[in-house]
């Protein structure tokens, strides 16, 4: 993978050299992660405007939600952390 791209994404995906559909998808995933209760039809409309259909929106939602879920499970169980702390 392109290390410069990875670094740019880690620093701030909003300024990384990615496509507008990719940016829209990441903005949606960020909102879903921060507070999914604030997702509105406008978020879905923005994804549609970026070229995503309803199936793709469902897939984005499911994948981002699954990663949020599994990371919280791992965090709660201390997976990957030094167990002495």
N, C-alpha and C. Protein backbone atom coordinates (compact mmCIF):
# COMPACT_ATOMS: atom_id res chain seq x y z
N UNK A 1 0.84 -1.18 0.00
CA UNK A 1 0.00 0.00 0.00
C UNK A 1 0.89 1.25 0.00
N UNK A 2 0.42 2.28 -0.60
CA UNK A 2 1.15 3.55 -0.69
C UNK A 2 1.28 4.18 0.70
N UNK A 3 2.50 4.23 1.22
CA UNK A 3 2.73 4.74 2.58
C UNK A 3 2.35 6.21 2.72
N UNK A 4 2.56 7.00 1.67
CA UNK A 4 2.18 8.41 1.73
C UNK A 4 0.66 8.56 1.84
N UNK A 5 -0.07 7.75 1.09
CA UNK A 5 -1.53 7.78 1.17
C UNK A 5 -2.01 7.36 2.55
N UNK A 6 -1.44 6.30 3.07
CA UNK A 6 -1.81 5.83 4.41
C UNK A 6 -1.56 6.94 5.43
N UNK A 7 -0.39 7.58 5.35
CA UNK A 7 -0.08 8.67 6.27
C UNK A 7 -1.05 9.82 6.14
N UNK A 8 -1.41 10.17 4.91
CA UNK A 8 -2.37 11.26 4.68
C UNK A 8 -3.73 10.90 5.24
N UNK A 9 -4.15 9.65 5.07
CA UNK A 9 -5.44 9.21 5.62
C UNK A 9 -5.42 9.23 7.14
N UNK A 10 -4.32 8.81 7.72
CA UNK A 10 -4.21 8.81 9.18
C UNK A 10 -4.22 10.23 9.72
N UNK A 11 -3.58 11.15 9.02
CA UNK A 11 -3.52 12.53 9.47
C UNK A 11 -4.89 13.19 9.38
N UNK A 12 -5.56 13.07 8.25
CA UNK A 12 -6.89 13.65 8.07
C UNK A 12 -7.43 13.24 6.70
N UNK A 13 -8.40 12.35 6.70
CA UNK A 13 -8.92 11.86 5.42
C UNK A 13 -9.53 12.98 4.59
N UNK A 14 -9.95 14.07 5.24
CA UNK A 14 -10.58 15.18 4.51
C UNK A 14 -9.62 15.86 3.54
N UNK A 15 -8.32 15.81 3.85
CA UNK A 15 -7.32 16.45 2.99
C UNK A 15 -6.47 15.43 2.24
N UNK A 16 -6.73 14.15 2.44
CA UNK A 16 -5.97 13.11 1.75
C UNK A 16 -6.34 13.07 0.27
N UNK A 17 -5.43 12.63 -0.57
CA UNK A 17 -5.68 12.56 -2.01
C UNK A 17 -6.54 11.34 -2.37
N UNK A 18 -7.82 11.42 -2.08
CA UNK A 18 -8.76 10.34 -2.38
C UNK A 18 -9.91 10.92 -3.21
N UNK A 19 -10.70 10.03 -3.78
CA UNK A 19 -11.82 10.47 -4.61
C UNK A 19 -12.95 11.04 -3.74
N UNK A 20 -13.81 11.80 -4.37
CA UNK A 20 -14.96 12.35 -3.64
C UNK A 20 -15.88 11.24 -3.10
N UNK A 21 -16.14 10.17 -3.87
CA UNK A 21 -16.95 9.09 -3.29
C UNK A 21 -16.28 8.47 -2.05
N UNK A 22 -14.96 8.30 -2.09
CA UNK A 22 -14.25 7.76 -0.93
C UNK A 22 -14.37 8.70 0.26
N UNK A 23 -14.26 10.00 0.00
CA UNK A 23 -14.38 10.99 1.08
C UNK A 23 -15.79 10.96 1.68
N UNK A 24 -16.80 10.88 0.82
CA UNK A 24 -18.19 10.82 1.30
C UNK A 24 -18.41 9.58 2.16
N UNK A 25 -17.84 8.46 1.72
CA UNK A 25 -17.97 7.22 2.47
C UNK A 25 -17.31 7.35 3.84
N UNK A 26 -16.12 7.95 3.89
CA UNK A 26 -15.42 8.09 5.16
C UNK A 26 -16.12 9.09 6.08
N UNK A 27 -16.70 10.13 5.53
CA UNK A 27 -17.47 11.08 6.35
C UNK A 27 -18.66 10.37 6.99
N UNK A 28 -19.32 9.53 6.21
CA UNK A 28 -20.45 8.75 6.72
C UNK A 28 -19.99 7.79 7.81
N UNK A 29 -18.92 7.07 7.56
CA UNK A 29 -18.40 6.12 8.54
C UNK A 29 -17.97 6.83 9.82
N UNK A 30 -17.41 8.02 9.68
CA UNK A 30 -17.03 8.79 10.87
C UNK A 30 -18.27 9.16 11.69
N UNK A 31 -19.31 9.64 11.03
CA UNK A 31 -20.54 10.00 11.75
C UNK A 31 -21.17 8.78 12.40
N UNK A 32 -21.17 7.67 11.69
CA UNK A 32 -21.71 6.43 12.23
C UNK A 32 -20.93 6.03 13.48
N UNK A 33 -19.62 6.21 13.46
CA UNK A 33 -18.77 5.85 14.59
C UNK A 33 -18.97 6.80 15.76
N UNK A 34 -19.03 8.08 15.47
CA UNK A 34 -19.15 9.08 16.55
C UNK A 34 -20.53 9.07 17.20
N UNK A 35 -21.59 9.02 16.40
CA UNK A 35 -22.95 9.03 16.94
C UNK A 35 -23.93 8.62 15.84
N UNK A 36 -24.20 7.34 15.77
CA UNK A 36 -25.08 6.81 14.72
C UNK A 36 -26.50 7.34 14.85
N UNK A 37 -26.89 7.79 16.04
CA UNK A 37 -28.25 8.30 16.21
C UNK A 37 -28.46 9.61 15.47
N UNK A 38 -27.38 10.24 15.04
CA UNK A 38 -27.48 11.50 14.31
C UNK A 38 -27.39 11.32 12.78
N UNK A 39 -27.37 10.07 12.33
CA UNK A 39 -27.44 9.81 10.89
C UNK A 39 -28.85 10.16 10.42
N UNK A 40 -28.92 10.93 9.36
CA UNK A 40 -30.21 11.38 8.83
C UNK A 40 -30.33 10.98 7.36
N UNK A 41 -31.51 11.14 6.80
CA UNK A 41 -31.66 10.88 5.36
C UNK A 41 -30.69 11.73 4.52
N UNK A 42 -30.28 12.87 5.02
CA UNK A 42 -29.32 13.72 4.30
C UNK A 42 -27.98 13.01 4.13
N UNK A 43 -27.57 12.22 5.12
CA UNK A 43 -26.33 11.46 5.00
C UNK A 43 -26.44 10.44 3.87
N UNK A 44 -27.58 9.77 3.80
CA UNK A 44 -27.79 8.78 2.74
C UNK A 44 -27.88 9.47 1.38
N UNK A 45 -28.50 10.63 1.36
CA UNK A 45 -28.59 11.39 0.10
C UNK A 45 -27.20 11.80 -0.39
N UNK A 46 -26.32 12.17 0.53
CA UNK A 46 -24.95 12.55 0.16
C UNK A 46 -24.21 11.35 -0.43
N UNK A 47 -24.43 10.17 0.15
CA UNK A 47 -23.80 8.97 -0.40
C UNK A 47 -24.36 8.66 -1.78
N UNK A 48 -25.67 8.80 -1.95
CA UNK A 48 -26.26 8.57 -3.28
C UNK A 48 -25.70 9.56 -4.30
N UNK A 49 -25.56 10.81 -3.88
CA UNK A 49 -25.02 11.84 -4.78
C UNK A 49 -23.58 11.52 -5.17
N UNK A 50 -22.86 10.81 -4.30
CA UNK A 50 -21.48 10.42 -4.58
C UNK A 50 -21.41 9.15 -5.43
N UNK A 51 -22.59 8.56 -5.72
CA UNK A 51 -22.60 7.40 -6.61
C UNK A 51 -22.92 6.07 -5.96
N UNK A 52 -23.22 6.07 -4.68
CA UNK A 52 -23.53 4.82 -3.98
C UNK A 52 -25.03 4.53 -4.06
N UNK A 53 -25.37 3.27 -4.35
CA UNK A 53 -26.78 2.89 -4.34
C UNK A 53 -27.14 2.36 -2.95
N UNK A 54 -28.41 1.98 -2.78
CA UNK A 54 -28.87 1.54 -1.45
C UNK A 54 -28.12 0.30 -0.96
N UNK A 55 -27.79 -0.60 -1.86
CA UNK A 55 -27.04 -1.79 -1.46
C UNK A 55 -25.65 -1.41 -0.95
N UNK A 56 -24.99 -0.50 -1.62
CA UNK A 56 -23.67 -0.04 -1.20
C UNK A 56 -23.75 0.69 0.14
N UNK A 57 -24.79 1.49 0.32
CA UNK A 57 -24.97 2.20 1.60
C UNK A 57 -25.16 1.19 2.73
N UNK A 58 -25.93 0.15 2.47
CA UNK A 58 -26.11 -0.91 3.47
C UNK A 58 -24.76 -1.58 3.77
N UNK A 59 -23.99 -1.89 2.74
CA UNK A 59 -22.70 -2.54 2.94
C UNK A 59 -21.74 -1.64 3.73
N UNK A 60 -21.69 -0.36 3.39
CA UNK A 60 -20.84 0.58 4.14
C UNK A 60 -21.26 0.60 5.60
N UNK A 61 -22.56 0.68 5.84
CA UNK A 61 -23.09 0.73 7.21
C UNK A 61 -22.74 -0.55 7.97
N UNK A 62 -22.95 -1.70 7.35
CA UNK A 62 -22.67 -2.97 8.02
C UNK A 62 -21.18 -3.14 8.32
N UNK A 63 -20.34 -2.83 7.37
CA UNK A 63 -18.89 -3.01 7.57
C UNK A 63 -18.37 -2.05 8.63
N UNK A 64 -18.74 -0.78 8.55
CA UNK A 64 -18.28 0.20 9.55
C UNK A 64 -18.80 -0.17 10.93
N UNK A 65 -20.05 -0.60 11.02
CA UNK A 65 -20.64 -0.99 12.31
C UNK A 65 -19.94 -2.22 12.87
N UNK A 66 -19.63 -3.18 12.00
CA UNK A 66 -18.96 -4.39 12.47
C UNK A 66 -17.58 -4.06 13.02
N UNK A 67 -16.84 -3.21 12.32
CA UNK A 67 -15.52 -2.81 12.82
C UNK A 67 -15.64 -2.08 14.16
N UNK A 68 -16.63 -1.21 14.29
CA UNK A 68 -16.84 -0.52 15.57
C UNK A 68 -17.13 -1.53 16.67
N UNK A 69 -17.99 -2.48 16.36
CA UNK A 69 -18.36 -3.51 17.34
C UNK A 69 -17.16 -4.35 17.76
N UNK A 70 -16.45 -4.90 16.78
CA UNK A 70 -15.36 -5.81 17.10
C UNK A 70 -14.22 -5.08 17.81
N UNK A 71 -13.99 -3.82 17.47
CA UNK A 71 -12.96 -3.05 18.18
C UNK A 71 -13.36 -2.80 19.62
N UNK A 72 -14.63 -2.55 19.88
CA UNK A 72 -15.07 -2.36 21.26
C UNK A 72 -14.96 -3.65 22.06
N UNK A 73 -15.29 -4.77 21.45
CA UNK A 73 -15.14 -6.06 22.11
C UNK A 73 -13.66 -6.29 22.45
N UNK A 74 -12.79 -6.07 21.48
CA UNK A 74 -11.35 -6.26 21.71
C UNK A 74 -10.85 -5.31 22.80
N UNK A 75 -11.30 -4.06 22.77
CA UNK A 75 -10.89 -3.10 23.80
C UNK A 75 -11.35 -3.57 25.18
N UNK A 76 -12.59 -4.02 25.27
CA UNK A 76 -13.14 -4.44 26.57
C UNK A 76 -12.40 -5.66 27.12
N UNK A 77 -11.93 -6.52 26.24
CA UNK A 77 -11.23 -7.72 26.68
C UNK A 77 -9.72 -7.53 26.78
N UNK A 78 -9.26 -6.34 26.41
CA UNK A 78 -7.83 -6.05 26.51
C UNK A 78 -7.00 -6.68 25.43
N UNK A 79 -7.63 -7.07 24.34
CA UNK A 79 -6.89 -7.70 23.24
C UNK A 79 -5.88 -6.70 22.67
N UNK A 80 -4.63 -7.13 22.60
CA UNK A 80 -3.58 -6.28 22.06
C UNK A 80 -2.96 -5.33 23.06
N UNK A 81 -3.45 -5.33 24.28
CA UNK A 81 -2.86 -4.47 25.31
C UNK A 81 -1.95 -5.29 26.21
N UNK A 82 -1.02 -4.60 26.80
CA UNK A 82 -0.17 -5.24 27.80
C UNK A 82 -1.05 -5.58 28.98
N UNK A 83 -1.15 -6.84 29.32
CA UNK A 83 -2.06 -7.31 30.37
C UNK A 83 -1.62 -6.93 31.78
N UNK A 84 -0.42 -6.36 31.93
CA UNK A 84 0.05 -5.97 33.25
C UNK A 84 -0.47 -4.61 33.68
N UNK A 85 -1.16 -3.90 32.79
CA UNK A 85 -1.64 -2.56 33.15
C UNK A 85 -3.07 -2.60 33.60
